[in-house]
Amino acid sequence: MAYNFTKFKTDCKKVEEWLSREYMQLHTGRAAPSFLDGISVEVYGDYQPIKNIASVNIEDPKTLRVSPWDKGQVKDIERAITAANLGLSLATDEKGLRVIFPMLTAETRTQLVKVVKQKLEDARVSVRKEREAVQKDIEEQQKSGALTEDDKFRAKEDLQKCVDEANSALEALFTKKEQEVMN
């Protein structure tokens, strides 16, 4: 009987999606509306993501335009972005807010690459934890008689192939983000 890796592959996909979301929140000197996705604004006694209370558009490569649907919320949005401490400059005008991304210095870029590498390592650790859980399950199934000795070794080889695929997908995300940061 062959081992079923469906749950492991699903968990690896979740780790990849997590890393992708984390990388979207790191600013590389280019304006991207997704950069503000993690910021919530207190409106009408509840916290809402910015995208639920305003339109966020790219004005130019270094600037986002945040246009709230209720102009009375401009100050609340400004306060939330400032509190997020993302190193962005803000300018308020009659249309809403302009969020200005500063130029990255060489030193800032190297620091950002370190953060990107750390996020990659966190994702790899998650994959390793999943691998260990599956290895333990394979051992238990072999001891209970559900898997033969040959099936156990075949399952471990297949598991390693899945781990290698997951790590190469994570590495591809890292390489893309690193190039984004350095350019």
N, C-alpha and C. Protein backbone atom coordinates (compact mmCIF):
# COMPACT_ATOMS: atom_id res chain seq x y z
N MET A 1 0.84 -1.19 0.00
CA MET A 1 0.00 0.00 0.00
C MET A 1 0.89 1.25 0.00
N ALA A 2 0.59 2.20 -0.84
CA ALA A 2 1.36 3.44 -0.94
C ALA A 2 0.86 4.45 0.08
N TYR A 3 1.76 5.28 0.55
CA TYR A 3 1.41 6.31 1.52
C TYR A 3 0.74 7.49 0.81
N ASN A 4 -0.24 8.11 1.44
CA ASN A 4 -0.98 9.23 0.86
C ASN A 4 -0.34 10.55 1.33
N PHE A 5 0.21 11.32 0.40
CA PHE A 5 0.89 12.57 0.73
C PHE A 5 0.02 13.80 0.50
N THR A 6 -1.27 13.64 0.31
CA THR A 6 -2.16 14.76 -0.01
C THR A 6 -2.11 15.84 1.07
N LYS A 7 -2.23 15.45 2.33
CA LYS A 7 -2.22 16.43 3.42
C LYS A 7 -0.87 17.16 3.47
N PHE A 8 0.22 16.42 3.30
CA PHE A 8 1.55 17.03 3.33
C PHE A 8 1.70 18.06 2.21
N LYS A 9 1.24 17.70 1.00
CA LYS A 9 1.35 18.63 -0.13
C LYS A 9 0.49 19.87 0.11
N THR A 10 -0.69 19.67 0.70
CA THR A 10 -1.57 20.80 1.01
C THR A 10 -0.90 21.72 2.04
N ASP A 11 -0.28 21.12 3.05
CA ASP A 11 0.40 21.92 4.08
C ASP A 11 1.58 22.68 3.48
N CYS A 12 2.31 22.06 2.56
CA CYS A 12 3.44 22.73 1.91
C CYS A 12 2.93 23.90 1.07
N LYS A 13 1.79 23.72 0.42
CA LYS A 13 1.20 24.79 -0.39
C LYS A 13 0.81 25.97 0.51
N LYS A 14 0.29 25.66 1.71
CA LYS A 14 -0.07 26.72 2.66
C LYS A 14 1.17 27.49 3.11
N VAL A 15 2.28 26.79 3.31
CA VAL A 15 3.53 27.45 3.70
C VAL A 15 3.98 28.37 2.57
N GLU A 16 3.87 27.90 1.34
CA GLU A 16 4.26 28.70 0.18
C GLU A 16 3.39 29.96 0.07
N GLU A 17 2.09 29.80 0.30
CA GLU A 17 1.18 30.96 0.27
C GLU A 17 1.51 31.94 1.39
N TRP A 18 1.85 31.42 2.57
CA TRP A 18 2.22 32.28 3.69
C TRP A 18 3.45 33.11 3.33
N LEU A 19 4.46 32.44 2.76
CA LEU A 19 5.68 33.15 2.39
C LEU A 19 5.39 34.22 1.34
N SER A 20 4.55 33.89 0.41
CA SER A 20 4.18 34.85 -0.64
C SER A 20 3.51 36.08 -0.03
N ARG A 21 2.59 35.87 0.91
CA ARG A 21 1.92 36.99 1.59
C ARG A 21 2.93 37.82 2.39
N GLU A 22 3.84 37.15 3.08
CA GLU A 22 4.86 37.86 3.85
C GLU A 22 5.73 38.73 2.94
N TYR A 23 6.10 38.19 1.79
CA TYR A 23 6.93 38.94 0.85
C TYR A 23 6.16 40.12 0.26
N MET A 24 4.86 39.99 0.09
CA MET A 24 4.07 41.10 -0.45
C MET A 24 4.08 42.29 0.51
N GLN A 25 4.22 42.01 1.80
CA GLN A 25 4.16 43.07 2.80
C GLN A 25 5.51 43.76 3.00
N LEU A 26 6.56 43.26 2.36
CA LEU A 26 7.86 43.92 2.46
C LEU A 26 7.99 44.90 1.30
N HIS A 27 8.21 46.15 1.61
CA HIS A 27 8.27 47.14 0.54
C HIS A 27 9.66 47.20 -0.05
N THR A 28 9.70 47.26 -1.36
CA THR A 28 10.97 47.22 -2.10
C THR A 28 11.25 48.54 -2.80
N GLY A 29 10.61 49.61 -2.35
CA GLY A 29 10.82 50.90 -2.98
C GLY A 29 9.80 51.16 -4.08
N ARG A 30 9.01 50.16 -4.42
CA ARG A 30 7.97 50.33 -5.44
C ARG A 30 6.61 50.31 -4.74
N ALA A 31 5.73 51.15 -5.20
CA ALA A 31 4.40 51.22 -4.62
C ALA A 31 3.58 50.01 -5.08
N ALA A 32 2.94 49.34 -4.13
CA ALA A 32 2.06 48.22 -4.43
C ALA A 32 0.88 48.27 -3.48
N PRO A 33 -0.35 48.26 -4.01
CA PRO A 33 -1.53 48.33 -3.14
C PRO A 33 -1.57 47.22 -2.09
N SER A 34 -1.04 46.06 -2.41
CA SER A 34 -1.07 44.94 -1.46
C SER A 34 -0.23 45.23 -0.21
N PHE A 35 0.67 46.21 -0.29
CA PHE A 35 1.50 46.56 0.84
C PHE A 35 0.68 47.05 2.02
N LEU A 36 -0.48 47.65 1.74
CA LEU A 36 -1.33 48.18 2.81
C LEU A 36 -2.37 47.17 3.30
N ASP A 37 -2.37 45.96 2.76
CA ASP A 37 -3.38 44.96 3.12
C ASP A 37 -3.38 44.60 4.60
N GLY A 38 -2.23 44.63 5.24
CA GLY A 38 -2.15 44.23 6.64
C GLY A 38 -2.56 45.31 7.63
N ILE A 39 -2.93 46.48 7.14
CA ILE A 39 -3.26 47.60 8.02
C ILE A 39 -4.78 47.69 8.20
N SER A 40 -5.21 47.72 9.46
CA SER A 40 -6.63 47.87 9.76
C SER A 40 -6.88 49.25 10.35
N VAL A 41 -8.03 49.81 10.00
CA VAL A 41 -8.40 51.16 10.44
C VAL A 41 -9.65 51.05 11.31
N GLU A 42 -9.66 51.79 12.43
CA GLU A 42 -10.84 51.78 13.29
C GLU A 42 -11.87 52.75 12.71
N VAL A 43 -12.98 52.20 12.25
CA VAL A 43 -14.08 53.00 11.72
C VAL A 43 -15.39 52.49 12.30
N TYR A 44 -16.21 53.42 12.73
CA TYR A 44 -17.52 53.10 13.28
C TYR A 44 -17.44 52.04 14.39
N GLY A 45 -16.39 52.10 15.22
CA GLY A 45 -16.25 51.20 16.35
C GLY A 45 -15.73 49.80 16.00
N ASP A 46 -15.30 49.58 14.76
CA ASP A 46 -14.81 48.27 14.33
C ASP A 46 -13.54 48.47 13.51
N TYR A 47 -12.72 47.44 13.43
CA TYR A 47 -11.50 47.52 12.62
C TYR A 47 -11.76 46.92 11.25
N GLN A 48 -11.39 47.67 10.21
CA GLN A 48 -11.58 47.24 8.83
C GLN A 48 -10.26 47.39 8.08
N PRO A 49 -9.97 46.46 7.15
CA PRO A 49 -8.79 46.67 6.29
C PRO A 49 -9.01 47.90 5.42
N ILE A 50 -7.92 48.55 5.05
CA ILE A 50 -8.02 49.77 4.24
C ILE A 50 -8.79 49.51 2.95
N LYS A 51 -8.57 48.36 2.33
CA LYS A 51 -9.23 48.07 1.05
C LYS A 51 -10.75 47.98 1.19
N ASN A 52 -11.28 47.82 2.43
CA ASN A 52 -12.73 47.77 2.62
C ASN A 52 -13.36 49.15 2.78
N ILE A 53 -12.54 50.17 3.03
CA ILE A 53 -13.10 51.51 3.26
C ILE A 53 -12.59 52.55 2.28
N ALA A 54 -11.69 52.14 1.38
CA ALA A 54 -11.11 53.10 0.43
C ALA A 54 -10.59 52.36 -0.79
N SER A 55 -10.45 53.11 -1.88
CA SER A 55 -9.79 52.52 -3.04
C SER A 55 -8.30 52.86 -2.94
N VAL A 56 -7.47 51.89 -3.29
CA VAL A 56 -6.02 52.07 -3.24
C VAL A 56 -5.49 51.83 -4.65
N ASN A 57 -4.91 52.89 -5.22
CA ASN A 57 -4.41 52.81 -6.59
C ASN A 57 -2.96 53.28 -6.66
N ILE A 58 -2.26 52.82 -7.68
CA ILE A 58 -0.89 53.26 -7.91
C ILE A 58 -0.94 54.57 -8.69
N GLU A 59 -0.36 55.61 -8.11
CA GLU A 59 -0.33 56.92 -8.76
C GLU A 59 0.91 57.03 -9.66
N ASP A 60 2.04 56.61 -9.15
CA ASP A 60 3.29 56.51 -9.91
C ASP A 60 4.13 55.42 -9.23
N PRO A 61 5.29 55.07 -9.75
CA PRO A 61 6.04 53.94 -9.17
C PRO A 61 6.39 54.08 -7.69
N LYS A 62 6.37 55.28 -7.16
CA LYS A 62 6.73 55.49 -5.75
C LYS A 62 5.56 55.97 -4.89
N THR A 63 4.35 56.06 -5.47
CA THR A 63 3.24 56.65 -4.74
C THR A 63 1.95 55.86 -4.91
N LEU A 64 1.24 55.68 -3.79
CA LEU A 64 -0.10 55.10 -3.81
C LEU A 64 -1.10 56.20 -3.50
N ARG A 65 -2.26 56.13 -4.11
CA ARG A 65 -3.36 57.05 -3.82
C ARG A 65 -4.42 56.28 -3.05
N VAL A 66 -4.71 56.71 -1.82
CA VAL A 66 -5.76 56.10 -1.00
C VAL A 66 -6.93 57.07 -0.98
N SER A 67 -8.05 56.67 -1.60
CA SER A 67 -9.23 57.54 -1.67
C SER A 67 -10.37 56.91 -0.88
N PRO A 68 -10.59 57.39 0.35
CA PRO A 68 -11.67 56.81 1.16
C PRO A 68 -13.04 57.17 0.59
N TRP A 69 -13.97 56.23 0.75
CA TRP A 69 -15.32 56.49 0.25
C TRP A 69 -16.03 57.49 1.15
N ASP A 70 -15.68 57.52 2.43
CA ASP A 70 -16.19 58.53 3.35
C ASP A 70 -15.00 59.44 3.69
N LYS A 71 -15.03 60.67 3.19
CA LYS A 71 -13.90 61.59 3.35
C LYS A 71 -13.58 61.88 4.82
N GLY A 72 -14.51 61.61 5.71
CA GLY A 72 -14.28 61.83 7.14
C GLY A 72 -13.32 60.81 7.74
N GLN A 73 -12.98 59.79 6.99
CA GLN A 73 -12.10 58.74 7.51
C GLN A 73 -10.63 58.95 7.13
N VAL A 74 -10.33 60.05 6.46
CA VAL A 74 -8.95 60.32 6.04
C VAL A 74 -8.01 60.32 7.24
N LYS A 75 -8.39 61.01 8.31
CA LYS A 75 -7.54 61.10 9.50
C LYS A 75 -7.35 59.72 10.14
N ASP A 76 -8.41 58.91 10.18
CA ASP A 76 -8.31 57.57 10.75
C ASP A 76 -7.34 56.70 9.94
N ILE A 77 -7.42 56.78 8.62
CA ILE A 77 -6.53 56.01 7.75
C ILE A 77 -5.09 56.50 7.94
N GLU A 78 -4.91 57.82 7.99
CA GLU A 78 -3.58 58.38 8.18
C GLU A 78 -2.97 57.91 9.50
N ARG A 79 -3.79 57.91 10.55
CA ARG A 79 -3.34 57.47 11.87
C ARG A 79 -2.95 55.98 11.84
N ALA A 80 -3.74 55.15 11.17
CA ALA A 80 -3.45 53.71 11.10
C ALA A 80 -2.17 53.43 10.33
N ILE A 81 -1.96 54.12 9.22
CA ILE A 81 -0.74 53.91 8.42
C ILE A 81 0.49 54.38 9.21
N THR A 82 0.36 55.50 9.89
CA THR A 82 1.47 56.00 10.70
C THR A 82 1.77 55.04 11.84
N ALA A 83 0.73 54.51 12.50
CA ALA A 83 0.91 53.58 13.62
C ALA A 83 1.55 52.27 13.17
N ALA A 84 1.36 51.89 11.91
CA ALA A 84 1.95 50.65 11.40
C ALA A 84 3.47 50.75 11.29
N ASN A 85 4.02 51.96 11.33
CA ASN A 85 5.46 52.20 11.34
C ASN A 85 6.16 51.47 10.19
N LEU A 86 5.72 51.74 8.97
CA LEU A 86 6.27 51.07 7.79
C LEU A 86 7.34 51.91 7.09
N GLY A 87 7.62 53.08 7.63
CA GLY A 87 8.64 53.94 7.02
C GLY A 87 8.15 54.65 5.78
N LEU A 88 6.84 54.90 5.70
CA LEU A 88 6.24 55.56 4.55
C LEU A 88 5.95 57.02 4.88
N SER A 89 5.97 57.87 3.86
CA SER A 89 5.60 59.27 4.03
C SER A 89 4.15 59.43 3.60
N LEU A 90 3.43 60.32 4.25
CA LEU A 90 2.02 60.55 3.93
C LEU A 90 1.79 62.01 3.60
N ALA A 91 0.92 62.25 2.63
CA ALA A 91 0.50 63.60 2.29
C ALA A 91 -1.01 63.58 2.09
N THR A 92 -1.70 64.48 2.77
CA THR A 92 -3.16 64.54 2.69
C THR A 92 -3.55 65.67 1.73
N ASP A 93 -4.56 65.41 0.90
CA ASP A 93 -5.10 66.44 0.02
C ASP A 93 -6.61 66.25 -0.08
N GLU A 94 -7.26 67.01 -0.98
CA GLU A 94 -8.73 66.97 -1.07
C GLU A 94 -9.26 65.62 -1.55
N LYS A 95 -8.46 64.83 -2.24
CA LYS A 95 -8.91 63.53 -2.75
C LYS A 95 -8.69 62.40 -1.76
N GLY A 96 -7.85 62.61 -0.76
CA GLY A 96 -7.55 61.56 0.21
C GLY A 96 -6.11 61.62 0.65
N LEU A 97 -5.43 60.49 0.54
CA LEU A 97 -4.05 60.39 0.99
C LEU A 97 -3.12 59.96 -0.14
N ARG A 98 -1.93 60.47 -0.10
CA ARG A 98 -0.87 59.97 -0.97
C ARG A 98 0.13 59.28 -0.05
N VAL A 99 0.41 58.01 -0.33
CA VAL A 99 1.38 57.25 0.44
C VAL A 99 2.64 57.16 -0.41
N ILE A 100 3.73 57.75 0.09
CA ILE A 100 4.96 57.85 -0.69
C ILE A 100 5.99 56.88 -0.14
N PHE A 101 6.51 56.04 -1.03
CA PHE A 101 7.53 55.06 -0.67
C PHE A 101 8.90 55.69 -0.86
N PRO A 102 9.72 55.71 0.19
CA PRO A 102 11.05 56.32 0.06
C PRO A 102 11.98 55.45 -0.78
N MET A 103 12.99 56.10 -1.34
CA MET A 103 14.02 55.37 -2.08
C MET A 103 14.80 54.50 -1.09
N LEU A 104 15.16 53.32 -1.53
CA LEU A 104 15.94 52.43 -0.67
C LEU A 104 17.43 52.69 -0.89
N THR A 105 18.16 52.79 0.20
CA THR A 105 19.61 52.93 0.11
C THR A 105 20.22 51.53 0.00
N ALA A 106 21.49 51.46 -0.32
CA ALA A 106 22.17 50.17 -0.43
C ALA A 106 22.14 49.44 0.91
N GLU A 107 22.31 50.19 1.98
CA GLU A 107 22.28 49.59 3.32
C GLU A 107 20.89 49.03 3.64
N THR A 108 19.86 49.80 3.30
CA THR A 108 18.49 49.35 3.54
C THR A 108 18.20 48.11 2.72
N ARG A 109 18.66 48.07 1.50
CA ARG A 109 18.45 46.89 0.64
C ARG A 109 19.09 45.64 1.24
N THR A 110 20.30 45.77 1.75
CA THR A 110 20.96 44.59 2.33
C THR A 110 20.22 44.14 3.59
N GLN A 111 19.73 45.09 4.38
CA GLN A 111 18.93 44.74 5.56
C GLN A 111 17.64 44.02 5.15
N LEU A 112 17.03 44.52 4.07
CA LEU A 112 15.79 43.92 3.58
C LEU A 112 16.03 42.51 3.05
N VAL A 113 17.16 42.29 2.41
CA VAL A 113 17.50 40.94 1.92
C VAL A 113 17.65 39.99 3.11
N LYS A 114 18.22 40.48 4.21
CA LYS A 114 18.35 39.65 5.41
C LYS A 114 16.97 39.26 5.94
N VAL A 115 16.04 40.19 5.93
CA VAL A 115 14.68 39.90 6.38
C VAL A 115 14.03 38.87 5.44
N VAL A 116 14.24 39.04 4.14
CA VAL A 116 13.68 38.11 3.15
C VAL A 116 14.24 36.71 3.38
N LYS A 117 15.55 36.61 3.65
CA LYS A 117 16.17 35.31 3.93
C LYS A 117 15.61 34.69 5.19
N GLN A 118 15.37 35.51 6.21
CA GLN A 118 14.82 35.00 7.47
C GLN A 118 13.42 34.43 7.26
N LYS A 119 12.62 35.12 6.45
CA LYS A 119 11.26 34.62 6.15
C LYS A 119 11.35 33.29 5.41
N LEU A 120 12.32 33.17 4.49
CA LEU A 120 12.53 31.92 3.77
C LEU A 120 12.89 30.80 4.74
N GLU A 121 13.77 31.11 5.68
CA GLU A 121 14.17 30.09 6.66
C GLU A 121 13.00 29.67 7.54
N ASP A 122 12.15 30.62 7.93
CA ASP A 122 10.96 30.30 8.70
C ASP A 122 10.06 29.34 7.93
N ALA A 123 9.92 29.58 6.63
CA ALA A 123 9.09 28.71 5.79
C ALA A 123 9.73 27.32 5.69
N ARG A 124 11.04 27.27 5.55
CA ARG A 124 11.73 25.97 5.47
C ARG A 124 11.55 25.17 6.76
N VAL A 125 11.61 25.86 7.89
CA VAL A 125 11.41 25.20 9.18
C VAL A 125 10.00 24.60 9.24
N SER A 126 9.03 25.32 8.74
CA SER A 126 7.65 24.80 8.71
C SER A 126 7.57 23.53 7.87
N VAL A 127 8.23 23.53 6.72
CA VAL A 127 8.23 22.35 5.86
C VAL A 127 8.92 21.18 6.58
N ARG A 128 10.02 21.47 7.27
CA ARG A 128 10.72 20.40 8.00
C ARG A 128 9.84 19.81 9.09
N LYS A 129 9.09 20.66 9.79
CA LYS A 129 8.19 20.16 10.83
C LYS A 129 7.13 19.25 10.23
N GLU A 130 6.60 19.65 9.09
CA GLU A 130 5.60 18.81 8.41
C GLU A 130 6.23 17.48 7.99
N ARG A 131 7.46 17.55 7.49
CA ARG A 131 8.16 16.33 7.07
C ARG A 131 8.34 15.38 8.25
N GLU A 132 8.75 15.92 9.40
CA GLU A 132 8.95 15.09 10.59
C GLU A 132 7.65 14.42 11.02
N ALA A 133 6.55 15.14 10.94
CA ALA A 133 5.25 14.56 11.31
C ALA A 133 4.89 13.40 10.37
N VAL A 134 5.14 13.58 9.07
CA VAL A 134 4.84 12.52 8.11
C VAL A 134 5.77 11.33 8.32
N GLN A 135 7.05 11.58 8.59
CA GLN A 135 7.98 10.48 8.85
C GLN A 135 7.54 9.67 10.06
N LYS A 136 7.09 10.36 11.09
CA LYS A 136 6.61 9.69 12.30
C LYS A 136 5.39 8.83 11.96
N ASP A 137 4.48 9.38 11.15
CA ASP A 137 3.29 8.65 10.75
C ASP A 137 3.65 7.40 9.92
N ILE A 138 4.63 7.54 9.04
CA ILE A 138 5.08 6.40 8.22
C ILE A 138 5.63 5.30 9.13
N GLU A 139 6.44 5.69 10.11
CA GLU A 139 7.00 4.72 11.05
C GLU A 139 5.90 4.00 11.82
N GLU A 140 4.91 4.78 12.29
CA GLU A 140 3.81 4.18 13.05
C GLU A 140 3.00 3.21 12.18
N GLN A 141 2.76 3.58 10.93
CA GLN A 141 2.01 2.70 10.03
C GLN A 141 2.80 1.42 9.75
N GLN A 142 4.12 1.54 9.65
CA GLN A 142 4.95 0.36 9.40
C GLN A 142 4.93 -0.56 10.61
N LYS A 143 4.99 0.02 11.81
CA LYS A 143 4.96 -0.78 13.04
C LYS A 143 3.61 -1.48 13.22
N SER A 144 2.53 -0.80 12.82
CA SER A 144 1.19 -1.39 12.97
C SER A 144 0.89 -2.41 11.88
N GLY A 145 1.75 -2.49 10.87
CA GLY A 145 1.54 -3.47 9.82
C GLY A 145 0.82 -2.95 8.59
N ALA A 146 0.45 -1.67 8.60
CA ALA A 146 -0.26 -1.09 7.45
C ALA A 146 0.69 -0.89 6.27
N LEU A 147 1.97 -0.72 6.55
CA LEU A 147 2.98 -0.56 5.50
C LEU A 147 4.06 -1.63 5.68
N THR A 148 4.53 -2.15 4.57
CA THR A 148 5.65 -3.09 4.62
C THR A 148 6.94 -2.30 4.72
N GLU A 149 8.04 -3.02 4.96
CA GLU A 149 9.35 -2.38 5.04
C GLU A 149 9.69 -1.67 3.73
N ASP A 150 9.42 -2.34 2.60
CA ASP A 150 9.68 -1.73 1.29
C ASP A 150 8.82 -0.50 1.06
N ASP A 151 7.54 -0.59 1.46
CA ASP A 151 6.64 0.56 1.31
C ASP A 151 7.13 1.75 2.15
N LYS A 152 7.66 1.43 3.33
CA LYS A 152 8.18 2.49 4.21
C LYS A 152 9.32 3.24 3.52
N PHE A 153 10.28 2.49 2.96
CA PHE A 153 11.42 3.14 2.30
C PHE A 153 10.97 3.90 1.05
N ARG A 154 10.04 3.33 0.30
CA ARG A 154 9.51 4.00 -0.89
C ARG A 154 8.79 5.29 -0.48
N ALA A 155 8.02 5.23 0.61
CA ALA A 155 7.29 6.40 1.09
C ALA A 155 8.27 7.49 1.53
N LYS A 156 9.35 7.10 2.19
CA LYS A 156 10.34 8.09 2.63
C LYS A 156 11.03 8.75 1.45
N GLU A 157 11.30 7.98 0.39
CA GLU A 157 11.89 8.55 -0.82
C GLU A 157 10.93 9.53 -1.48
N ASP A 158 9.65 9.12 -1.56
CA ASP A 158 8.63 10.01 -2.14
C ASP A 158 8.47 11.27 -1.30
N LEU A 159 8.54 11.12 0.01
CA LEU A 159 8.44 12.27 0.91
C LEU A 159 9.58 13.24 0.64
N GLN A 160 10.79 12.72 0.47
CA GLN A 160 11.93 13.59 0.21
C GLN A 160 11.76 14.34 -1.11
N LYS A 161 11.19 13.67 -2.12
CA LYS A 161 10.92 14.34 -3.40
C LYS A 161 9.94 15.48 -3.20
N CYS A 162 8.90 15.24 -2.39
CA CYS A 162 7.91 16.29 -2.12
C CYS A 162 8.55 17.47 -1.37
N VAL A 163 9.42 17.15 -0.42
CA VAL A 163 10.11 18.19 0.34
C VAL A 163 11.00 19.01 -0.60
N ASP A 164 11.71 18.33 -1.49
CA ASP A 164 12.57 19.03 -2.45
C ASP A 164 11.76 19.95 -3.35
N GLU A 165 10.59 19.49 -3.80
CA GLU A 165 9.71 20.33 -4.63
C GLU A 165 9.26 21.56 -3.86
N ALA A 166 8.85 21.35 -2.61
CA ALA A 166 8.38 22.47 -1.78
C ALA A 166 9.51 23.47 -1.55
N ASN A 167 10.70 22.97 -1.24
CA ASN A 167 11.83 23.87 -1.01
C ASN A 167 12.22 24.63 -2.27
N SER A 168 12.14 23.99 -3.43
CA SER A 168 12.49 24.70 -4.66
C SER A 168 11.45 25.78 -4.97
N ALA A 169 10.17 25.54 -4.65
CA ALA A 169 9.14 26.56 -4.83
C ALA A 169 9.40 27.75 -3.90
N LEU A 170 9.78 27.46 -2.65
CA LEU A 170 10.10 28.53 -1.70
C LEU A 170 11.33 29.31 -2.16
N GLU A 171 12.32 28.59 -2.66
CA GLU A 171 13.54 29.22 -3.16
C GLU A 171 13.25 30.14 -4.35
N ALA A 172 12.32 29.71 -5.21
CA ALA A 172 11.95 30.54 -6.36
C ALA A 172 11.31 31.85 -5.89
N LEU A 173 10.44 31.77 -4.88
CA LEU A 173 9.83 32.99 -4.32
C LEU A 173 10.91 33.90 -3.75
N PHE A 174 11.87 33.30 -3.03
CA PHE A 174 12.96 34.08 -2.44
C PHE A 174 13.78 34.78 -3.52
N THR A 175 14.15 34.04 -4.56
CA THR A 175 14.98 34.61 -5.63
C THR A 175 14.28 35.79 -6.29
N LYS A 176 12.99 35.61 -6.54
CA LYS A 176 12.21 36.69 -7.18
C LYS A 176 12.19 37.94 -6.29
N LYS A 177 11.94 37.74 -5.00
CA LYS A 177 11.86 38.87 -4.07
C LYS A 177 13.23 39.52 -3.89
N GLU A 178 14.28 38.71 -3.85
CA GLU A 178 15.63 39.25 -3.70
C GLU A 178 15.99 40.14 -4.90
N GLN A 179 15.64 39.70 -6.09
CA GLN A 179 15.89 40.51 -7.30
C GLN A 179 15.09 41.80 -7.25
N GLU A 180 13.86 41.71 -6.77
CA GLU A 180 13.01 42.89 -6.62
C GLU A 180 13.66 43.91 -5.68
N VAL A 181 14.18 43.42 -4.57
CA VAL A 181 14.79 44.29 -3.57
C VAL A 181 16.07 44.93 -4.10
N MET A 182 16.89 44.15 -4.80
CA MET A 182 18.19 44.65 -5.23
C MET A 182 18.13 45.55 -6.46
N ASN A 183 17.03 45.51 -7.21
CA ASN A 183 16.90 46.36 -8.41
C ASN A 183 16.20 47.65 -8.11
